[in-house]
Amino acid sequence: MTRLEERRIDTLFFDRRKATEDTKRKIAGWEIWECADPTFSHDYDRTVTLYVHEGAAVLTFSDGAIVDLQSGDTLTIRQGASATWTISTPIRNSYQYHDTFQSASNRTDQVSWQKS
């Protein structure tokens, strides 16, 4: 198993990966969310990606899929998902909604186009 496949899960509502160094670099400007509540439920009306700095949780999605999170994981939850969080160790995440990614609006500035 390669480093990029470590802890990889892809389902209808979410994708989980071990964060790469590039991912860790990109989260510098993301919002921080912390929670120590033992459980809560959330309906996702927007696609969001989060990076777990510390803590642990298990998410149970409305379709029955279950994913565990631990420090170093990246999780993308797709719009339309509903999940119940069970937090075993207080969790601290950076997160960014996909419709607010600044890099998407700056894509042309990041690409060097060459004429043939």
PDB file of N, CA and C in Angstrom:
ATOM      1  N   MET A   1       0.843  -1.174   0.000  1.00  0.00           N
ATOM      2  CA  MET A   1       0.000   0.000   0.000  1.00  0.00           C
ATOM      3  C   MET A   1       0.890   1.239   0.000  1.00  0.00           C
ATOM      4  N   THR A   2       0.584   2.179  -0.884  1.00  0.00           N
ATOM      5  CA  THR A   2       1.355   3.414  -0.937  1.00  0.00           C
ATOM      6  C   THR A   2       0.834   4.413   0.094  1.00  0.00           C
ATOM      7  N   ARG A   3       1.633   5.420   0.357  1.00  0.00           N
ATOM      8  CA  ARG A   3       1.259   6.464   1.319  1.00  0.00           C
ATOM      9  C   ARG A   3      -0.060   7.122   0.932  1.00  0.00           C
ATOM     10  N   LEU A   4      -0.285   7.344  -0.376  1.00  0.00           N
ATOM     11  CA  LEU A   4      -1.514   7.990  -0.820  1.00  0.00           C
ATOM     12  C   LEU A   4      -2.740   7.113  -0.632  1.00  0.00           C
ATOM     13  N   GLU A   5      -2.571   5.811  -0.540  1.00  0.00           N
ATOM     14  CA  GLU A   5      -3.704   4.910  -0.345  1.00  0.00           C
ATOM     15  C   GLU A   5      -3.990   4.638   1.125  1.00  0.00           C
ATOM     16  N   GLU A   6      -3.069   5.052   2.005  1.00  0.00           N
ATOM     17  CA  GLU A   6      -3.229   4.801   3.429  1.00  0.00           C
ATOM     18  C   GLU A   6      -4.513   5.455   3.948  1.00  0.00           C
ATOM     19  N   ARG A   7      -5.343   4.664   4.626  1.00  0.00           N
ATOM     20  CA  ARG A   7      -6.609   5.100   5.224  1.00  0.00           C
ATOM     21  C   ARG A   7      -7.604   5.605   4.183  1.00  0.00           C
ATOM     22  N   ARG A   8      -7.465   5.220   2.934  1.00  0.00           N
ATOM     23  CA  ARG A   8      -8.344   5.681   1.861  1.00  0.00           C
ATOM     24  C   ARG A   8      -9.679   4.940   1.892  1.00  0.00           C
ATOM     25  N   ILE A   9     -10.763   5.734   1.872  1.00  0.00           N
ATOM     26  CA  ILE A   9     -12.120   5.205   1.735  1.00  0.00           C
ATOM     27  C   ILE A   9     -12.883   6.169   0.836  1.00  0.00           C
ATOM     28  N   ASP A  10     -13.586   5.643  -0.158  1.00  0.00           N
ATOM     29  CA  ASP A  10     -14.439   6.442  -1.033  1.00  0.00           C
ATOM     30  C   ASP A  10     -15.850   5.863  -0.984  1.00  0.00           C
ATOM     31  N   THR A  11     -16.843   6.708  -0.675  1.00  0.00           N
ATOM     32  CA  THR A  11     -18.239   6.271  -0.655  1.00  0.00           C
ATOM     33  C   THR A  11     -19.096   7.316  -1.359  1.00  0.00           C
ATOM     34  N   LEU A  12     -20.385   7.082  -1.358  1.00  0.00           N
ATOM     35  CA  LEU A  12     -21.326   8.006  -1.970  1.00  0.00           C
ATOM     36  C   LEU A  12     -21.240   9.399  -1.344  1.00  0.00           C
ATOM     37  N   PHE A  13     -21.125   9.452  -0.006  1.00  0.00           N
ATOM     38  CA  PHE A  13     -21.190  10.726   0.698  1.00  0.00           C
ATOM     39  C   PHE A  13     -19.849  11.298   1.140  1.00  0.00           C
ATOM     40  N   PHE A  14     -18.780  10.504   1.143  1.00  0.00           N
ATOM     41  CA  PHE A  14     -17.516  11.027   1.646  1.00  0.00           C
ATOM     42  C   PHE A  14     -16.317  10.306   1.051  1.00  0.00           C
ATOM     43  N   ASP A  15     -15.158  10.975   1.157  1.00  0.00           N
ATOM     44  CA  ASP A  15     -13.851  10.405   0.822  1.00  0.00           C
ATOM     45  C   ASP A  15     -12.928  10.710   1.995  1.00  0.00           C
ATOM     46  N   ARG A  16     -12.208   9.690   2.466  1.00  0.00           N
ATOM     47  CA  ARG A  16     -11.226   9.906   3.518  1.00  0.00           C
ATOM     48  C   ARG A  16      -9.861   9.509   3.003  1.00  0.00           C
ATOM     49  N   ARG A  17      -8.848  10.321   3.329  1.00  0.00           N
ATOM     50  CA  ARG A  17      -7.470  10.071   2.952  1.00  0.00           C
ATOM     51  C   ARG A  17      -6.568  10.471   4.108  1.00  0.00           C
ATOM     52  N   LYS A  18      -5.368   9.947   4.119  1.00  0.00           N
ATOM     53  CA  LYS A  18      -4.314  10.471   4.980  1.00  0.00           C
ATOM     54  C   LYS A  18      -3.805  11.725   4.283  1.00  0.00           C
ATOM     55  N   ALA A  19      -3.651  12.807   5.004  1.00  0.00           N
ATOM     56  CA  ALA A  19      -3.246  14.076   4.398  1.00  0.00           C
ATOM     57  C   ALA A  19      -1.819  14.010   3.887  1.00  0.00           C
ATOM     58  N   THR A  20      -1.613  14.603   2.727  1.00  0.00           N
ATOM     59  CA  THR A  20      -0.271  14.722   2.163  1.00  0.00           C
ATOM     60  C   THR A  20       0.362  16.014   2.689  1.00  0.00           C
ATOM     61  N   GLU A  21       1.644  16.175   2.475  1.00  0.00           N
ATOM     62  CA  GLU A  21       2.318  17.415   2.863  1.00  0.00           C
ATOM     63  C   GLU A  21       1.737  18.606   2.099  1.00  0.00           C
ATOM     64  N   ASP A  22       1.348  18.387   0.840  1.00  0.00           N
ATOM     65  CA  ASP A  22       0.739  19.453   0.052  1.00  0.00           C
ATOM     66  C   ASP A  22      -0.590  19.880   0.669  1.00  0.00           C
ATOM     67  N   THR A  23      -1.390  18.918   1.126  1.00  0.00           N
ATOM     68  CA  THR A  23      -2.657  19.232   1.783  1.00  0.00           C
ATOM     69  C   THR A  23      -2.409  20.052   3.036  1.00  0.00           C
ATOM     70  N   LYS A  24      -1.436  19.653   3.840  1.00  0.00           N
ATOM     71  CA  LYS A  24      -1.130  20.371   5.074  1.00  0.00           C
ATOM     72  C   LYS A  24      -0.713  21.810   4.781  1.00  0.00           C
ATOM     73  N   ARG A  25      -0.023  22.029   3.683  1.00  0.00           N
ATOM     74  CA  ARG A  25       0.383  23.380   3.289  1.00  0.00           C
ATOM     75  C   ARG A  25      -0.837  24.224   2.909  1.00  0.00           C
ATOM     76  N   LYS A  26      -1.797  23.620   2.213  1.00  0.00           N
ATOM     77  CA  LYS A  26      -2.961  24.346   1.711  1.00  0.00           C
ATOM     78  C   LYS A  26      -3.950  24.751   2.798  1.00  0.00           C
ATOM     79  N   ILE A  27      -3.955  24.092   3.937  1.00  0.00           N
ATOM     80  CA  ILE A  27      -4.959  24.381   4.961  1.00  0.00           C
ATOM     81  C   ILE A  27      -4.624  25.596   5.823  1.00  0.00           C
ATOM     82  N   ALA A  28      -3.508  26.229   5.576  1.00  0.00           N
ATOM     83  CA  ALA A  28      -3.049  27.333   6.428  1.00  0.00           C
ATOM     84  C   ALA A  28      -4.118  28.402   6.650  1.00  0.00           C
ATOM     85  N   GLY A  29      -4.911  28.723   5.657  1.00  0.00           N
ATOM     86  CA  GLY A  29      -5.913  29.775   5.789  1.00  0.00           C
ATOM     87  C   GLY A  29      -7.323  29.284   6.093  1.00  0.00           C
ATOM     88  N   TRP A  30      -7.488  27.990   6.328  1.00  0.00           N
ATOM     89  CA  TRP A  30      -8.816  27.442   6.573  1.00  0.00           C
ATOM     90  C   TRP A  30      -9.298  27.781   7.979  1.00  0.00           C
ATOM     91  N   GLU A  31     -10.620  27.765   8.150  1.00  0.00           N
ATOM     92  CA  GLU A  31     -11.241  27.986   9.457  1.00  0.00           C
ATOM     93  C   GLU A  31     -10.927  26.799  10.376  1.00  0.00           C
ATOM     94  N   ILE A  32     -10.973  27.046  11.695  1.00  0.00           N
ATOM     95  CA  ILE A  32     -10.753  25.998  12.694  1.00  0.00           C
ATOM     96  C   ILE A  32     -12.090  25.693  13.378  1.00  0.00           C
ATOM     97  N   TRP A  33     -12.356  24.418  13.599  1.00  0.00           N
ATOM     98  CA  TRP A  33     -13.549  23.969  14.329  1.00  0.00           C
ATOM     99  C   TRP A  33     -13.096  22.990  15.393  1.00  0.00           C
ATOM    100  N   GLU A  34     -13.565  23.200  16.617  1.00  0.00           N
ATOM    101  CA  GLU A  34     -13.243  22.308  17.716  1.00  0.00           C
ATOM    102  C   GLU A  34     -14.540  21.835  18.357  1.00  0.00           C
ATOM    103  N   CYS A  35     -14.546  20.584  18.824  1.00  0.00           N
ATOM    104  CA  CYS A  35     -15.738  20.056  19.470  1.00  0.00           C
ATOM    105  C   CYS A  35     -15.350  18.963  20.457  1.00  0.00           C
ATOM    106  N   ALA A  36     -15.963  19.032  21.638  1.00  0.00           N
ATOM    107  CA  ALA A  36     -15.758  18.001  22.654  1.00  0.00           C
ATOM    108  C   ALA A  36     -17.081  17.332  23.014  1.00  0.00           C
ATOM    109  N   ASP A  37     -18.184  17.760  22.373  1.00  0.00           N
ATOM    110  CA  ASP A  37     -19.479  17.116  22.625  1.00  0.00           C
ATOM    111  C   ASP A  37     -19.385  15.648  22.250  1.00  0.00           C
ATOM    112  N   PRO A  38     -20.014  14.772  23.022  1.00  0.00           N
ATOM    113  CA  PRO A  38     -19.901  13.343  22.711  1.00  0.00           C
ATOM    114  C   PRO A  38     -20.584  12.947  21.395  1.00  0.00           C
ATOM    115  N   THR A  39     -21.710  13.585  21.058  1.00  0.00           N
ATOM    116  CA  THR A  39     -22.390  13.283  19.794  1.00  0.00           C
ATOM    117  C   THR A  39     -23.133  14.516  19.285  1.00  0.00           C
ATOM    118  N   PHE A  40     -23.268  14.588  17.984  1.00  0.00           N
ATOM    119  CA  PHE A  40     -24.146  15.569  17.358  1.00  0.00           C
ATOM    120  C   PHE A  40     -24.393  15.126  15.924  1.00  0.00           C
ATOM    121  N   SER A  41     -25.467  15.647  15.341  1.00  0.00           N
ATOM    122  CA  SER A  41     -25.810  15.328  13.953  1.00  0.00           C
ATOM    123  C   SER A  41     -25.755  16.596  13.118  1.00  0.00           C
ATOM    124  N   HIS A  42     -25.425  16.406  11.826  1.00  0.00           N
ATOM    125  CA  HIS A  42     -25.335  17.558  10.934  1.00  0.00           C
ATOM    126  C   HIS A  42     -25.759  17.153   9.534  1.00  0.00           C
ATOM    127  N   ASP A  43     -26.539  18.041   8.881  1.00  0.00           N
ATOM    128  CA  ASP A  43     -26.912  17.888   7.478  1.00  0.00           C
ATOM    129  C   ASP A  43     -26.017  18.820   6.669  1.00  0.00           C
ATOM    130  N   TYR A  44     -25.367  18.289   5.660  1.00  0.00           N
ATOM    131  CA  TYR A  44     -24.393  19.057   4.875  1.00  0.00           C
ATOM    132  C   TYR A  44     -25.063  19.605   3.623  1.00  0.00           C
ATOM    133  N   ASP A  45     -25.313  20.932   3.620  1.00  0.00           N
ATOM    134  CA  ASP A  45     -25.937  21.568   2.459  1.00  0.00           C
ATOM    135  C   ASP A  45     -24.895  22.069   1.461  1.00  0.00           C
ATOM    136  N   ARG A  46     -23.609  21.899   1.817  1.00  0.00           N
ATOM    137  CA  ARG A  46     -22.487  22.264   0.952  1.00  0.00           C
ATOM    138  C   ARG A  46     -21.404  21.207   1.122  1.00  0.00           C
ATOM    139  N   THR A  47     -20.603  21.005   0.078  1.00  0.00           N
ATOM    140  CA  THR A  47     -19.472  20.084   0.163  1.00  0.00           C
ATOM    141  C   THR A  47     -18.366  20.760   0.965  1.00  0.00           C
ATOM    142  N   VAL A  48     -17.781  19.996   1.885  1.00  0.00           N
ATOM    143  CA  VAL A  48     -16.752  20.530   2.770  1.00  0.00           C
ATOM    144  C   VAL A  48     -15.595  19.535   2.871  1.00  0.00           C
ATOM    145  N   THR A  49     -14.386  20.045   2.986  1.00  0.00           N
ATOM    146  CA  THR A  49     -13.218  19.207   3.262  1.00  0.00           C
ATOM    147  C   THR A  49     -12.650  19.651   4.597  1.00  0.00           C
ATOM    148  N   LEU A  50     -12.262  18.674   5.405  1.00  0.00           N
ATOM    149  CA  LEU A  50     -11.666  18.986   6.691  1.00  0.00           C
ATOM    150  C   LEU A  50     -10.390  18.185   6.902  1.00  0.00           C
ATOM    151  N   TYR A  51      -9.520  18.751   7.705  1.00  0.00           N
ATOM    152  CA  TYR A  51      -8.268  18.104   8.088  1.00  0.00           C
ATOM    153  C   TYR A  51      -8.261  18.001   9.606  1.00  0.00           C
ATOM    154  N   VAL A  52      -8.011  16.805  10.137  1.00  0.00           N
ATOM    155  CA  VAL A  52      -8.022  16.573  11.578  1.00  0.00           C
ATOM    156  C   VAL A  52      -6.632  16.840  12.150  1.00  0.00           C
ATOM    157  N   HIS A  53      -6.544  17.885  12.982  1.00  0.00           N
ATOM    158  CA  HIS A  53      -5.286  18.205  13.660  1.00  0.00           C
ATOM    159  C   HIS A  53      -5.069  17.284  14.856  1.00  0.00           C
ATOM    160  N   GLU A  54      -6.143  17.091  15.622  1.00  0.00           N
ATOM    161  CA  GLU A  54      -6.047  16.235  16.804  1.00  0.00           C
ATOM    162  C   GLU A  54      -7.441  15.729  17.170  1.00  0.00           C
ATOM    163  N   GLY A  55      -7.470  14.630  17.906  1.00  0.00           N
ATOM    164  CA  GLY A  55      -8.725  14.053  18.343  1.00  0.00           C
ATOM    165  C   GLY A  55      -9.130  12.859  17.511  1.00  0.00           C
ATOM    166  N   ALA A  56     -10.328  12.351  17.834  1.00  0.00           N
ATOM    167  CA  ALA A  56     -10.841  11.171  17.133  1.00  0.00           C
ATOM    168  C   ALA A  56     -12.367  11.181  17.161  1.00  0.00           C
ATOM    169  N   ALA A  57     -12.955  10.686  16.085  1.00  0.00           N
ATOM    170  CA  ALA A  57     -14.409  10.618  15.977  1.00  0.00           C
ATOM    171  C   ALA A  57     -14.791   9.499  15.020  1.00  0.00           C
ATOM    172  N   VAL A  58     -16.047   9.066  15.130  1.00  0.00           N
ATOM    173  CA  VAL A  58     -16.640   8.138  14.178  1.00  0.00           C
ATOM    174  C   VAL A  58     -17.886   8.826  13.637  1.00  0.00           C
ATOM    175  N   LEU A  59     -17.998   8.883  12.309  1.00  0.00           N
ATOM    176  CA  LEU A  59     -19.177   9.456  11.669  1.00  0.00           C
ATOM    177  C   LEU A  59     -20.015   8.334  11.088  1.00  0.00           C
ATOM    178  N   THR A  60     -21.317   8.374  11.356  1.00  0.00           N
ATOM    179  CA  THR A  60     -22.261   7.425  10.782  1.00  0.00           C
ATOM    180  C   THR A  60     -23.179   8.210   9.859  1.00  0.00           C
ATOM    181  N   PHE A  61     -23.154   7.863   8.579  1.00  0.00           N
ATOM    182  CA  PHE A  61     -23.931   8.575   7.570  1.00  0.00           C
ATOM    183  C   PHE A  61     -25.320   7.965   7.411  1.00  0.00           C
ATOM    184  N   SER A  62     -26.227   8.741   6.828  1.00  0.00           N
ATOM    185  CA  SER A  62     -27.619   8.325   6.687  1.00  0.00           C
ATOM    186  C   SER A  62     -27.783   7.058   5.847  1.00  0.00           C
ATOM    187  N   ASP A  63     -26.809   6.759   4.977  1.00  0.00           N
ATOM    188  CA  ASP A  63     -26.892   5.537   4.168  1.00  0.00           C
ATOM    189  C   ASP A  63     -26.291   4.329   4.891  1.00  0.00           C
ATOM    190  N   GLY A  64     -25.848   4.519   6.159  1.00  0.00           N
ATOM    191  CA  GLY A  64     -25.272   3.431   6.939  1.00  0.00           C
ATOM    192  C   GLY A  64     -23.756   3.345   6.886  1.00  0.00           C
ATOM    193  N   ALA A  65     -23.127   4.110   6.005  1.00  0.00           N
ATOM    194  CA  ALA A  65     -21.659   4.105   5.915  1.00  0.00           C
ATOM    195  C   ALA A  65     -21.073   4.705   7.192  1.00  0.00           C
ATOM    196  N   ILE A  66     -19.962   4.141   7.625  1.00  0.00           N
ATOM    197  CA  ILE A  66     -19.283   4.590   8.837  1.00  0.00           C
ATOM    198  C   ILE A  66     -17.820   4.864   8.513  1.00  0.00           C
ATOM    199  N   VAL A  67     -17.294   5.964   9.066  1.00  0.00           N
ATOM    200  CA  VAL A  67     -15.887   6.291   8.871  1.00  0.00           C
ATOM    201  C   VAL A  67     -15.314   6.793  10.199  1.00  0.00           C
ATOM    202  N   ASP A  68     -14.112   6.337  10.503  1.00  0.00           N
ATOM    203  CA  ASP A  68     -13.425   6.845  11.695  1.00  0.00           C
ATOM    204  C   ASP A  68     -12.437   7.907  11.260  1.00  0.00           C
ATOM    205  N   LEU A  69     -12.249   8.886  12.123  1.00  0.00           N
ATOM    206  CA  LEU A  69     -11.301   9.963  11.861  1.00  0.00           C
ATOM    207  C   LEU A  69     -10.273   9.998  12.972  1.00  0.00           C
ATOM    208  N   GLN A  70      -9.041  10.283  12.586  1.00  0.00           N
ATOM    209  CA  GLN A  70      -7.957  10.444  13.551  1.00  0.00           C
ATOM    210  C   GLN A  70      -7.032  11.532  13.048  1.00  0.00           C
ATOM    211  N   SER A  71      -6.156  11.959  13.902  1.00  0.00           N
ATOM    212  CA  SER A  71      -5.203  13.005  13.557  1.00  0.00           C
ATOM    213  C   SER A  71      -4.474  12.663  12.261  1.00  0.00           C
ATOM    214  N   GLY A  72      -4.395  13.657  11.348  1.00  0.00           N
ATOM    215  CA  GLY A  72      -3.718  13.459  10.070  1.00  0.00           C
ATOM    216  C   GLY A  72      -4.628  13.067   8.928  1.00  0.00           C
ATOM    217  N   ASP A  73      -5.911  12.802   9.210  1.00  0.00           N
ATOM    218  CA  ASP A  73      -6.860  12.438   8.156  1.00  0.00           C
ATOM    219  C   ASP A  73      -7.425  13.676   7.482  1.00  0.00           C
ATOM    220  N   THR A  74      -7.764  13.534   6.205  1.00  0.00           N
ATOM    221  CA  THR A  74      -8.522  14.517   5.447  1.00  0.00           C
ATOM    222  C   THR A  74      -9.830  13.849   5.057  1.00  0.00           C
ATOM    223  N   LEU A  75     -10.942  14.551   5.265  1.00  0.00           N
ATOM    224  CA  LEU A  75     -12.258  14.017   4.937  1.00  0.00           C
ATOM    225  C   LEU A  75     -13.011  15.034   4.106  1.00  0.00           C
ATOM    226  N   THR A  76     -13.533  14.610   2.962  1.00  0.00           N
ATOM    227  CA  THR A  76     -14.423  15.435   2.155  1.00  0.00           C
ATOM    228  C   THR A  76     -15.819  14.849   2.290  1.00  0.00           C
ATOM    229  N   ILE A  77     -16.753  15.689   2.730  1.00  0.00           N
ATOM    230  CA  ILE A  77     -18.155  15.290   2.876  1.00  0.00           C
ATOM    231  C   ILE A  77     -18.939  16.031   1.810  1.00  0.00           C
ATOM    232  N   ARG A  78     -19.686  15.276   1.001  1.00  0.00           N
ATOM    233  CA  ARG A  78     -20.395  15.864  -0.131  1.00  0.00           C
ATOM    234  C   ARG A  78     -21.746  16.473   0.275  1.00  0.00           C
ATOM    235  N   GLN A  79     -22.120  17.476  -0.475  1.00  0.00           N
ATOM    236  CA  GLN A  79     -23.407  18.128  -0.298  1.00  0.00           C
ATOM    237  C   GLN A  79     -24.517  17.072  -0.333  1.00  0.00           C
ATOM    238  N   GLY A  80     -25.482  17.181   0.571  1.00  0.00           N
ATOM    239  CA  GLY A  80     -26.600  16.245   0.629  1.00  0.00           C
ATOM    240  C   GLY A  80     -26.422  15.152   1.668  1.00  0.00           C
ATOM    241  N   ALA A  81     -25.221  15.034   2.220  1.00  0.00           N
ATOM    242  CA  ALA A  81     -24.962  14.011   3.238  1.00  0.00           C
ATOM    243  C   ALA A  81     -25.540  14.449   4.582  1.00  0.00           C
ATOM    244  N   SER A  82     -25.877  13.465   5.397  1.00  0.00           N
ATOM    245  CA  SER A  82     -26.257  13.671   6.798  1.00  0.00           C
ATOM    246  C   SER A  82     -25.427  12.701   7.607  1.00  0.00           C
ATOM    247  N   ALA A  83     -24.871  13.178   8.734  1.00  0.00           N
ATOM    248  CA  ALA A  83     -24.018  12.313   9.538  1.00  0.00           C
ATOM    249  C   ALA A  83     -24.201  12.607  11.018  1.00  0.00           C
ATOM    250  N   THR A  84     -24.039  11.562  11.803  1.00  0.00           N
ATOM    251  CA  THR A  84     -23.977  11.696  13.254  1.00  0.00           C
ATOM    252  C   THR A  84     -22.534  11.481  13.661  1.00  0.00           C
ATOM    253  N   TRP A  85     -21.983  12.446  14.382  1.00  0.00           N
ATOM    254  CA  TRP A  85     -20.621  12.391  14.876  1.00  0.00           C
ATOM    255  C   TRP A  85     -20.630  11.812  16.276  1.00  0.00           C
ATOM    256  N   THR A  86     -19.759  10.838  16.536  1.00  0.00           N
ATOM    257  CA  THR A  86     -19.500  10.333  17.875  1.00  0.00           C
ATOM    258  C   THR A  86     -18.041  10.637  18.166  1.00  0.00           C
ATOM    259  N   ILE A  87     -17.814  11.566  19.083  1.00  0.00           N
ATOM    260  CA  ILE A  87     -16.464  12.060  19.341  1.00  0.00           C
ATOM    261  C   ILE A  87     -15.914  11.388  20.591  1.00  0.00           C
ATOM    262  N   SER A  88     -14.876  10.589  20.404  1.00  0.00           N
ATOM    263  CA  SER A  88     -14.278   9.856  21.521  1.00  0.00           C
ATOM    264  C   SER A  88     -13.167  10.652  22.209  1.00  0.00           C
ATOM    265  N   THR A  89     -12.499  11.510  21.456  1.00  0.00           N
ATOM    266  CA  THR A  89     -11.454  12.391  21.978  1.00  0.00           C
ATOM    267  C   THR A  89     -11.717  13.771  21.384  1.00  0.00           C
ATOM    268  N   PRO A  90     -11.778  14.835  22.199  1.00  0.00           N
ATOM    269  CA  PRO A  90     -12.072  16.167  21.637  1.00  0.00           C
ATOM    270  C   PRO A  90     -11.295  16.403  20.341  1.00  0.00           C
ATOM    271  N   ILE A  91     -12.021  16.934  19.354  1.00  0.00           N
ATOM    272  CA  ILE A  91     -11.472  17.015  18.001  1.00  0.00           C
ATOM    273  C   ILE A  91     -11.245  18.469  17.601  1.00  0.00           C
ATOM    274  N   ARG A  92     -10.179  18.671  16.833  1.00  0.00           N
ATOM    275  CA  ARG A  92      -9.827  19.998  16.291  1.00  0.00           C
ATOM    276  C   ARG A  92      -9.536  19.830  14.811  1.00  0.00           C
ATOM    277  N   ASN A  93     -10.324  20.523  13.980  1.00  0.00           N
ATOM    278  CA  ASN A  93     -10.217  20.406  12.526  1.00  0.00           C
ATOM    279  C   ASN A  93     -10.018  21.774  11.883  1.00  0.00           C
ATOM    280  N   SER A  94      -9.345  21.780  10.749  1.00  0.00           N
ATOM    281  CA  SER A  94      -9.410  22.895   9.808  1.00  0.00           C
ATOM    282  C   SER A  94     -10.422  22.471   8.761  1.00  0.00           C
ATOM    283  N   TYR A  95     -11.211  23.427   8.250  1.00  0.00           N
ATOM    284  CA  TYR A  95     -12.206  23.061   7.241  1.00  0.00           C
ATOM    285  C   TYR A  95     -12.374  24.182   6.223  1.00  0.00           C
ATOM    286  N   GLN A  96     -12.851  23.773   5.035  1.00  0.00           N
ATOM    287  CA  GLN A  96     -13.105  24.725   3.956  1.00  0.00           C
ATOM    288  C   GLN A  96     -14.263  24.195   3.116  1.00  0.00           C
ATOM    289  N   TYR A  97     -15.268  25.044   2.895  1.00  0.00           N
ATOM    290  CA  TYR A  97     -16.357  24.681   1.985  1.00  0.00           C
ATOM    291  C   TYR A  97     -15.863  24.828   0.553  1.00  0.00           C
ATOM    292  N   HIS A  98     -16.252  23.897  -0.307  1.00  0.00           N
ATOM    293  CA  HIS A  98     -15.736  23.891  -1.679  1.00  0.00           C
ATOM    294  C   HIS A  98     -16.161  25.098  -2.490  1.00  0.00           C
ATOM    295  N   ASP A  99     -17.328  25.650  -2.201  1.00  0.00           N
ATOM    296  CA  ASP A  99     -17.763  26.809  -2.973  1.00  0.00           C
ATOM    297  C   ASP A  99     -17.042  28.088  -2.550  1.00  0.00           C
ATOM    298  N   THR A 100     -16.125  27.985  -1.582  1.00  0.00           N
ATOM    299  CA  THR A 100     -15.356  29.148  -1.154  1.00  0.00           C
ATOM    300  C   THR A 100     -13.860  28.978  -1.382  1.00  0.00           C
ATOM    301  N   PHE A 101     -13.455  27.895  -2.056  1.00  0.00           N
ATOM    302  CA  PHE A 101     -12.030  27.704  -2.337  1.00  0.00           C
ATOM    303  C   PHE A 101     -11.528  28.872  -3.166  1.00  0.00           C
ATOM    304  N   GLN A 102     -10.576  29.621  -2.656  1.00  0.00           N
ATOM    305  CA  GLN A 102     -10.023  30.746  -3.408  1.00  0.00           C
ATOM    306  C   GLN A 102      -9.208  30.256  -4.589  1.00  0.00           C
ATOM    307  N   SER A 103      -8.606  29.085  -4.464  1.00  0.00           N
ATOM    308  CA  SER A 103      -7.740  28.611  -5.539  1.00  0.00           C
ATOM    309  C   SER A 103      -8.513  28.385  -6.828  1.00  0.00           C
ATOM    310  N   ALA A 104      -9.795  28.049  -6.745  1.00  0.00           N
ATOM    311  CA  ALA A 104     -10.576  27.823  -7.959  1.00  0.00           C
ATOM    312  C   ALA A 104     -10.719  29.111  -8.756  1.00  0.00           C
ATOM    313  N   SER A 105     -10.941  30.226  -8.071  1.00  0.00           N
ATOM    314  CA  SER A 105     -11.095  31.490  -8.785  1.00  0.00           C
ATOM    315  C   SER A 105      -9.759  32.025  -9.303  1.00  0.00           C
ATOM    316  N   ASN A 106      -8.668  31.535  -8.746  1.00  0.00           N
ATOM    317  CA  ASN A 106      -7.346  31.990  -9.162  1.00  0.00           C
ATOM    318  C   ASN A 106      -6.644  31.007 -10.093  1.00  0.00           C
ATOM    319  N   ARG A 107      -7.356  30.024 -10.587  1.00  0.00           N
ATOM    320  CA  ARG A 107      -6.756  28.945 -11.379  1.00  0.00           C
ATOM    321  C   ARG A 107      -5.970  29.481 -12.567  1.00  0.00           C
ATOM    322  N   THR A 108      -6.497  30.471 -13.298  1.00  0.00           N
ATOM    323  CA  THR A 108      -5.785  30.958 -14.481  1.00  0.00           C
ATOM    324  C   THR A 108      -4.481  31.640 -14.105  1.00  0.00           C
ATOM    325  N   ASP A 109      -4.427  32.224 -12.888  1.00  0.00           N
ATOM    326  CA  ASP A 109      -3.184  32.841 -12.434  1.00  0.00           C
ATOM    327  C   ASP A 109      -2.139  31.802 -12.049  1.00  0.00           C
ATOM    328  N   GLN A 110      -2.569  30.571 -11.769  1.00  0.00           N
ATOM    329  CA  GLN A 110      -1.669  29.524 -11.316  1.00  0.00           C
ATOM    330  C   GLN A 110      -1.117  28.681 -12.459  1.00  0.00           C
ATOM    331  N   VAL A 111      -1.729  28.797 -13.628  1.00  0.00           N
ATOM    332  CA  VAL A 111      -1.346  27.966 -14.760  1.00  0.00           C
ATOM    333  C   VAL A 111      -0.561  28.806 -15.763  1.00  0.00           C
ATOM    334  N   SER A 112       0.542  28.268 -16.214  1.00  0.00           N
ATOM    335  CA  SER A 112       1.329  28.957 -17.226  1.00  0.00           C
ATOM    336  C   SER A 112       0.953  28.401 -18.598  1.00  0.00           C
ATOM    337  N   TRP A 113       0.257  29.230 -19.395  1.00  0.00           N
ATOM    338  CA  TRP A 113      -0.151  28.797 -20.728  1.00  0.00           C
ATOM    339  C   TRP A 113       0.934  29.140 -21.725  1.00  0.00           C
ATOM    340  N   GLN A 114       1.246  28.166 -22.563  1.00  0.00           N
ATOM    341  CA  GLN A 114       2.255  28.396 -23.599  1.00  0.00           C
ATOM    342  C   GLN A 114       1.610  28.267 -24.955  1.00  0.00           C
ATOM    343  N   LYS A 115       1.954  29.200 -25.855  1.00  0.00           N
ATOM    344  CA  LYS A 115       1.421  29.137 -27.211  1.00  0.00           C
ATOM    345  C   LYS A 115       2.212  28.141 -28.024  1.00  0.00           C
ATOM    346  N   SER A 116       1.513  27.409 -28.867  1.00  0.00           N
ATOM    347  CA  SER A 116       2.184  26.400 -29.716  1.00  0.00           C
ATOM    348  C   SER A 116       2.806  27.041 -30.914  1.00  0.00           C
TER     349      SER A 116
END
